[in-house]
Amino acid sequence: MADIKKTLIDLARKAWDANIREDAAFYRDFLIDEAVGVNNFGLTDKASLVKQMQYHTGVPFTEVTMEDPRVVVLSPESALLIYRATVHATKDGKNIVFSDYVTTAFVKRDEKWKGAFQQHTRLQGKP
């Protein structure tokens, strides 16, 4: 369990770092083809996220911290990672900070953990 938790936290950290760098290649490899994300803007899929990274159309993140990570192992090939993320970003030239609870579903494909689903729930009124 400790190894899976460390592996998934490390992968989530790499994903946030790739988001900051707008690294489309990372997400092309990290996400399964049928991956789905849900946030306060609606639904997104792998193709949309990769395109957003390629063309820099998202809100540029500058820093992300992850707090209180928890892992729920569902099977030897699937697990959930749940944590609080505090995101620093720049929008319209202004610095903004927001916090979400994040749940990521991981699946093991070809012996590698991949992102299959992610849900963000915004904490209202708190960074």
N, C-alpha and C. Protein backbone atom coordinates (compact mmCIF):
# COMPACT_ATOMS: atom_id res chain seq x y z
N MET A 1 0.82 -1.21 0.00
CA MET A 1 0.00 0.00 0.00
C MET A 1 0.86 1.26 0.00
N ALA A 2 1.90 1.28 0.81
CA ALA A 2 2.77 2.46 0.88
C ALA A 2 3.42 2.74 -0.47
N ASP A 3 3.82 1.68 -1.18
CA ASP A 3 4.43 1.87 -2.50
C ASP A 3 3.44 2.45 -3.50
N ILE A 4 2.19 1.94 -3.47
CA ILE A 4 1.18 2.47 -4.39
C ILE A 4 0.90 3.93 -4.06
N LYS A 5 0.77 4.26 -2.78
CA LYS A 5 0.50 5.64 -2.39
C LYS A 5 1.60 6.57 -2.88
N LYS A 6 2.85 6.19 -2.65
CA LYS A 6 3.97 7.02 -3.10
C LYS A 6 3.97 7.16 -4.62
N THR A 7 3.74 6.06 -5.33
CA THR A 7 3.72 6.09 -6.79
C THR A 7 2.64 7.03 -7.31
N LEU A 8 1.43 6.94 -6.76
CA LEU A 8 0.33 7.76 -7.24
C LEU A 8 0.51 9.23 -6.88
N ILE A 9 1.02 9.51 -5.69
CA ILE A 9 1.30 10.91 -5.33
C ILE A 9 2.37 11.48 -6.25
N ASP A 10 3.42 10.70 -6.53
CA ASP A 10 4.47 11.17 -7.45
C ASP A 10 3.90 11.44 -8.84
N LEU A 11 3.02 10.56 -9.32
CA LEU A 11 2.40 10.78 -10.63
C LEU A 11 1.52 12.02 -10.64
N ALA A 12 0.76 12.22 -9.59
CA ALA A 12 -0.09 13.42 -9.51
C ALA A 12 0.77 14.68 -9.49
N ARG A 13 1.88 14.64 -8.75
CA ARG A 13 2.79 15.79 -8.72
C ARG A 13 3.36 16.06 -10.12
N LYS A 14 3.75 14.99 -10.82
CA LYS A 14 4.27 15.15 -12.19
C LYS A 14 3.20 15.73 -13.11
N ALA A 15 1.95 15.32 -12.91
CA ALA A 15 0.86 15.85 -13.74
C ALA A 15 0.67 17.34 -13.49
N TRP A 16 0.69 17.77 -12.22
CA TRP A 16 0.57 19.20 -11.93
C TRP A 16 1.75 19.97 -12.52
N ASP A 17 2.95 19.42 -12.39
CA ASP A 17 4.13 20.09 -12.96
C ASP A 17 4.00 20.20 -14.48
N ALA A 18 3.48 19.15 -15.12
CA ALA A 18 3.27 19.18 -16.57
C ALA A 18 2.21 20.22 -16.92
N ASN A 19 1.19 20.36 -16.07
CA ASN A 19 0.17 21.38 -16.29
C ASN A 19 0.79 22.77 -16.25
N ILE A 20 1.66 23.01 -15.28
CA ILE A 20 2.33 24.31 -15.16
C ILE A 20 3.16 24.59 -16.41
N ARG A 21 3.84 23.56 -16.94
CA ARG A 21 4.67 23.71 -18.14
C ARG A 21 3.85 23.63 -19.43
N GLU A 22 2.55 23.34 -19.30
CA GLU A 22 1.67 23.11 -20.45
C GLU A 22 2.28 22.05 -21.37
N ASP A 23 2.64 20.93 -20.76
CA ASP A 23 3.34 19.82 -21.43
C ASP A 23 2.34 18.81 -21.99
N ALA A 24 1.92 19.04 -23.23
CA ALA A 24 0.94 18.17 -23.87
C ALA A 24 1.46 16.74 -24.01
N ALA A 25 2.74 16.57 -24.26
CA ALA A 25 3.31 15.23 -24.44
C ALA A 25 3.15 14.38 -23.18
N PHE A 26 3.31 14.99 -22.02
CA PHE A 26 3.12 14.25 -20.78
C PHE A 26 1.70 13.70 -20.70
N TYR A 27 0.71 14.55 -20.96
CA TYR A 27 -0.68 14.13 -20.85
C TYR A 27 -1.06 13.11 -21.92
N ARG A 28 -0.46 13.22 -23.10
CA ARG A 28 -0.70 12.23 -24.16
C ARG A 28 -0.31 10.83 -23.69
N ASP A 29 0.77 10.73 -22.92
CA ASP A 29 1.24 9.44 -22.42
C ASP A 29 0.56 9.05 -21.11
N PHE A 30 0.29 10.01 -20.25
CA PHE A 30 -0.21 9.75 -18.90
C PHE A 30 -1.68 9.31 -18.87
N LEU A 31 -2.51 9.89 -19.74
CA LEU A 31 -3.94 9.61 -19.71
C LEU A 31 -4.31 8.44 -20.62
N ILE A 32 -5.28 7.63 -20.16
CA ILE A 32 -5.82 6.62 -21.05
C ILE A 32 -6.67 7.32 -22.11
N ASP A 33 -6.89 6.68 -23.24
CA ASP A 33 -7.61 7.33 -24.34
C ASP A 33 -9.01 7.78 -23.95
N GLU A 34 -9.68 7.01 -23.10
CA GLU A 34 -11.05 7.34 -22.71
C GLU A 34 -11.15 8.17 -21.43
N ALA A 35 -10.05 8.78 -21.01
CA ALA A 35 -10.01 9.58 -19.78
C ALA A 35 -11.03 10.72 -19.82
N VAL A 36 -11.58 11.03 -18.64
CA VAL A 36 -12.56 12.11 -18.49
C VAL A 36 -12.20 12.93 -17.26
N GLY A 37 -12.39 14.23 -17.37
CA GLY A 37 -12.21 15.12 -16.23
C GLY A 37 -13.50 15.90 -15.99
N VAL A 38 -13.77 16.19 -14.71
CA VAL A 38 -14.95 16.96 -14.33
C VAL A 38 -14.49 18.07 -13.40
N ASN A 39 -14.87 19.32 -13.74
CA ASN A 39 -14.56 20.44 -12.87
C ASN A 39 -15.66 21.49 -12.99
N ASN A 40 -15.45 22.66 -12.41
CA ASN A 40 -16.49 23.68 -12.41
C ASN A 40 -16.78 24.24 -13.81
N PHE A 41 -15.97 23.88 -14.81
CA PHE A 41 -16.21 24.31 -16.19
C PHE A 41 -16.96 23.25 -16.99
N GLY A 42 -17.12 22.06 -16.42
CA GLY A 42 -17.83 21.00 -17.12
C GLY A 42 -16.97 19.76 -17.31
N LEU A 43 -17.24 19.03 -18.39
CA LEU A 43 -16.51 17.80 -18.72
C LEU A 43 -15.42 18.08 -19.73
N THR A 44 -14.35 17.32 -19.64
CA THR A 44 -13.30 17.39 -20.64
C THR A 44 -12.79 15.98 -20.90
N ASP A 45 -12.20 15.79 -22.06
CA ASP A 45 -11.63 14.49 -22.39
C ASP A 45 -10.15 14.65 -22.71
N LYS A 46 -9.49 13.55 -22.97
CA LYS A 46 -8.05 13.56 -23.22
C LYS A 46 -7.70 14.47 -24.39
N ALA A 47 -8.41 14.32 -25.50
CA ALA A 47 -8.09 15.12 -26.69
C ALA A 47 -8.20 16.61 -26.41
N SER A 48 -9.24 17.02 -25.68
CA SER A 48 -9.43 18.44 -25.36
C SER A 48 -8.32 18.97 -24.45
N LEU A 49 -7.94 18.17 -23.46
CA LEU A 49 -6.89 18.60 -22.54
C LEU A 49 -5.56 18.73 -23.25
N VAL A 50 -5.23 17.75 -24.08
CA VAL A 50 -3.96 17.80 -24.82
C VAL A 50 -3.95 19.02 -25.74
N LYS A 51 -5.07 19.28 -26.41
CA LYS A 51 -5.17 20.45 -27.31
C LYS A 51 -5.00 21.74 -26.51
N GLN A 52 -5.63 21.82 -25.34
CA GLN A 52 -5.49 23.01 -24.49
C GLN A 52 -4.03 23.25 -24.14
N MET A 53 -3.31 22.17 -23.80
CA MET A 53 -1.88 22.30 -23.46
C MET A 53 -1.07 22.72 -24.68
N GLN A 54 -1.36 22.13 -25.83
CA GLN A 54 -0.60 22.45 -27.04
C GLN A 54 -0.73 23.92 -27.44
N TYR A 55 -1.95 24.45 -27.30
CA TYR A 55 -2.22 25.80 -27.78
C TYR A 55 -2.31 26.84 -26.66
N HIS A 56 -1.97 26.43 -25.43
CA HIS A 56 -1.89 27.35 -24.29
C HIS A 56 -3.18 28.15 -24.11
N THR A 57 -4.31 27.44 -24.12
CA THR A 57 -5.59 28.13 -24.02
C THR A 57 -6.19 28.08 -22.61
N GLY A 58 -5.51 27.47 -21.67
CA GLY A 58 -6.03 27.39 -20.30
C GLY A 58 -5.55 28.55 -19.46
N VAL A 59 -5.92 28.53 -18.20
CA VAL A 59 -5.44 29.52 -17.23
C VAL A 59 -4.05 29.05 -16.77
N PRO A 60 -3.00 29.86 -16.98
CA PRO A 60 -1.65 29.43 -16.61
C PRO A 60 -1.47 29.26 -15.10
N PHE A 61 -1.20 28.04 -14.68
CA PHE A 61 -0.89 27.75 -13.29
C PHE A 61 0.57 28.05 -13.04
N THR A 62 0.86 28.60 -11.87
CA THR A 62 2.25 28.91 -11.53
C THR A 62 2.79 28.04 -10.40
N GLU A 63 1.87 27.53 -9.55
CA GLU A 63 2.29 26.69 -8.43
C GLU A 63 1.08 25.89 -7.94
N VAL A 64 1.32 24.66 -7.52
CA VAL A 64 0.26 23.82 -6.96
C VAL A 64 0.83 23.06 -5.77
N THR A 65 0.10 23.11 -4.65
CA THR A 65 0.49 22.29 -3.50
C THR A 65 -0.60 21.23 -3.29
N MET A 66 -0.16 20.07 -2.84
CA MET A 66 -1.07 18.95 -2.55
C MET A 66 -1.02 18.68 -1.06
N GLU A 67 -2.21 18.58 -0.43
CA GLU A 67 -2.27 18.36 1.02
C GLU A 67 -3.14 17.16 1.36
N ASP A 68 -2.76 16.47 2.41
CA ASP A 68 -3.52 15.37 2.99
C ASP A 68 -3.93 14.31 1.97
N PRO A 69 -2.96 13.77 1.22
CA PRO A 69 -3.31 12.75 0.22
C PRO A 69 -3.74 11.44 0.86
N ARG A 70 -4.76 10.85 0.27
CA ARG A 70 -5.27 9.55 0.72
C ARG A 70 -5.42 8.66 -0.52
N VAL A 71 -5.15 7.39 -0.35
CA VAL A 71 -5.27 6.43 -1.45
C VAL A 71 -6.27 5.35 -1.06
N VAL A 72 -7.15 5.03 -1.98
CA VAL A 72 -8.06 3.91 -1.83
C VAL A 72 -7.74 2.93 -2.95
N VAL A 73 -7.21 1.77 -2.59
CA VAL A 73 -6.89 0.75 -3.59
C VAL A 73 -8.16 -0.04 -3.86
N LEU A 74 -8.60 -0.03 -5.11
CA LEU A 74 -9.82 -0.73 -5.49
C LEU A 74 -9.54 -2.15 -5.96
N SER A 75 -8.40 -2.33 -6.60
CA SER A 75 -7.96 -3.64 -7.09
C SER A 75 -6.46 -3.52 -7.36
N PRO A 76 -5.80 -4.63 -7.71
CA PRO A 76 -4.37 -4.50 -8.03
C PRO A 76 -4.09 -3.58 -9.23
N GLU A 77 -5.12 -3.31 -10.04
CA GLU A 77 -4.95 -2.47 -11.23
C GLU A 77 -5.74 -1.17 -11.19
N SER A 78 -6.29 -0.80 -10.03
CA SER A 78 -7.04 0.46 -9.96
C SER A 78 -7.00 1.04 -8.55
N ALA A 79 -6.95 2.36 -8.49
CA ALA A 79 -6.90 3.04 -7.19
C ALA A 79 -7.36 4.48 -7.35
N LEU A 80 -7.78 5.06 -6.23
CA LEU A 80 -8.16 6.47 -6.18
C LEU A 80 -7.14 7.23 -5.34
N LEU A 81 -6.83 8.44 -5.76
CA LEU A 81 -6.01 9.36 -4.97
C LEU A 81 -6.88 10.58 -4.70
N ILE A 82 -7.05 10.92 -3.41
CA ILE A 82 -7.88 12.04 -3.01
C ILE A 82 -7.02 13.00 -2.19
N TYR A 83 -7.10 14.29 -2.48
CA TYR A 83 -6.30 15.29 -1.76
C TYR A 83 -6.87 16.68 -1.98
N ARG A 84 -6.34 17.62 -1.23
CA ARG A 84 -6.68 19.03 -1.42
C ARG A 84 -5.55 19.67 -2.21
N ALA A 85 -5.90 20.37 -3.27
CA ALA A 85 -4.91 21.08 -4.08
C ALA A 85 -5.15 22.59 -3.94
N THR A 86 -4.09 23.32 -3.66
CA THR A 86 -4.15 24.78 -3.68
C THR A 86 -3.37 25.24 -4.91
N VAL A 87 -4.07 25.96 -5.77
CA VAL A 87 -3.53 26.33 -7.08
C VAL A 87 -3.31 27.84 -7.13
N HIS A 88 -2.12 28.22 -7.56
CA HIS A 88 -1.80 29.62 -7.83
C HIS A 88 -1.76 29.75 -9.36
N ALA A 89 -2.44 30.78 -9.86
CA ALA A 89 -2.54 30.95 -11.31
C ALA A 89 -2.54 32.43 -11.65
N THR A 90 -2.45 32.68 -12.95
CA THR A 90 -2.53 34.05 -13.46
C THR A 90 -3.66 34.09 -14.47
N LYS A 91 -4.59 35.02 -14.27
CA LYS A 91 -5.70 35.17 -15.21
C LYS A 91 -5.90 36.65 -15.47
N ASP A 92 -5.89 37.02 -16.73
CA ASP A 92 -6.05 38.42 -17.13
C ASP A 92 -5.06 39.33 -16.40
N GLY A 93 -3.83 38.83 -16.22
CA GLY A 93 -2.78 39.60 -15.59
C GLY A 93 -2.85 39.67 -14.08
N LYS A 94 -3.82 38.99 -13.49
CA LYS A 94 -3.98 39.01 -12.03
C LYS A 94 -3.65 37.65 -11.45
N ASN A 95 -3.01 37.66 -10.28
CA ASN A 95 -2.74 36.42 -9.57
C ASN A 95 -4.00 35.98 -8.84
N ILE A 96 -4.31 34.70 -8.96
CA ILE A 96 -5.45 34.15 -8.26
C ILE A 96 -5.03 32.88 -7.53
N VAL A 97 -5.72 32.57 -6.46
CA VAL A 97 -5.46 31.37 -5.68
C VAL A 97 -6.80 30.71 -5.40
N PHE A 98 -6.87 29.41 -5.61
CA PHE A 98 -8.08 28.67 -5.28
C PHE A 98 -7.70 27.28 -4.81
N SER A 99 -8.62 26.66 -4.09
CA SER A 99 -8.40 25.31 -3.59
C SER A 99 -9.52 24.39 -4.04
N ASP A 100 -9.14 23.19 -4.42
CA ASP A 100 -10.08 22.15 -4.83
C ASP A 100 -9.78 20.89 -4.05
N TYR A 101 -10.83 20.10 -3.79
CA TYR A 101 -10.60 18.71 -3.44
C TYR A 101 -10.54 17.97 -4.77
N VAL A 102 -9.56 17.12 -4.91
CA VAL A 102 -9.32 16.42 -6.18
C VAL A 102 -9.37 14.92 -5.94
N THR A 103 -10.07 14.23 -6.81
CA THR A 103 -10.07 12.77 -6.81
C THR A 103 -9.61 12.33 -8.19
N THR A 104 -8.57 11.52 -8.22
CA THR A 104 -8.06 10.97 -9.47
C THR A 104 -8.18 9.45 -9.41
N ALA A 105 -8.77 8.89 -10.45
CA ALA A 105 -8.84 7.43 -10.59
C ALA A 105 -7.69 7.00 -11.50
N PHE A 106 -6.88 6.08 -11.00
CA PHE A 106 -5.77 5.53 -11.76
C PHE A 106 -6.07 4.08 -12.13
N VAL A 107 -5.59 3.68 -13.29
CA VAL A 107 -5.67 2.28 -13.71
C VAL A 107 -4.29 1.86 -14.18
N LYS A 108 -4.01 0.59 -14.03
CA LYS A 108 -2.73 0.06 -14.49
C LYS A 108 -2.91 -0.52 -15.88
N ARG A 109 -2.16 0.01 -16.84
CA ARG A 109 -2.19 -0.46 -18.22
C ARG A 109 -0.76 -0.75 -18.64
N ASP A 110 -0.52 -1.95 -19.14
CA ASP A 110 0.84 -2.34 -19.57
C ASP A 110 1.86 -2.06 -18.47
N GLU A 111 1.48 -2.41 -17.23
CA GLU A 111 2.35 -2.28 -16.04
C GLU A 111 2.66 -0.84 -15.65
N LYS A 112 1.94 0.15 -16.22
CA LYS A 112 2.14 1.55 -15.86
C LYS A 112 0.83 2.13 -15.34
N TRP A 113 0.91 2.93 -14.26
CA TRP A 113 -0.26 3.61 -13.75
C TRP A 113 -0.59 4.78 -14.66
N LYS A 114 -1.86 4.90 -15.02
CA LYS A 114 -2.33 5.95 -15.93
C LYS A 114 -3.54 6.65 -15.32
N GLY A 115 -3.74 7.90 -15.72
CA GLY A 115 -4.91 8.65 -15.28
C GLY A 115 -6.12 8.29 -16.11
N ALA A 116 -7.24 7.95 -15.43
CA ALA A 116 -8.46 7.57 -16.11
C ALA A 116 -9.59 8.58 -15.90
N PHE A 117 -9.61 9.22 -14.72
CA PHE A 117 -10.70 10.11 -14.37
C PHE A 117 -10.21 11.09 -13.31
N GLN A 118 -10.70 12.33 -13.39
CA GLN A 118 -10.37 13.29 -12.34
C GLN A 118 -11.58 14.19 -12.09
N GLN A 119 -11.89 14.37 -10.80
CA GLN A 119 -13.00 15.23 -10.37
C GLN A 119 -12.43 16.32 -9.47
N HIS A 120 -12.76 17.58 -9.77
CA HIS A 120 -12.37 18.71 -8.92
C HIS A 120 -13.62 19.28 -8.27
N THR A 121 -13.57 19.51 -6.97
CA THR A 121 -14.64 20.17 -6.24
C THR A 121 -14.06 21.41 -5.59
N ARG A 122 -14.49 22.57 -6.04
CA ARG A 122 -13.96 23.85 -5.54
C ARG A 122 -14.41 24.12 -4.12
N LEU A 123 -13.47 24.51 -3.28
CA LEU A 123 -13.79 24.97 -1.94
C LEU A 123 -14.25 26.41 -2.06
N GLN A 124 -15.44 26.71 -1.65
CA GLN A 124 -16.00 28.04 -1.79
C GLN A 124 -15.43 28.99 -0.75
N GLY A 125 -14.95 30.14 -1.21
CA GLY A 125 -14.51 31.19 -0.30
C GLY A 125 -13.20 30.94 0.40
N LYS A 126 -12.44 29.90 -0.01
CA LYS A 126 -11.17 29.61 0.66
C LYS A 126 -10.09 29.37 -0.38
N PRO A 127 -8.90 29.92 -0.14
CA PRO A 127 -7.78 29.57 -1.02
C PRO A 127 -7.20 28.22 -0.63
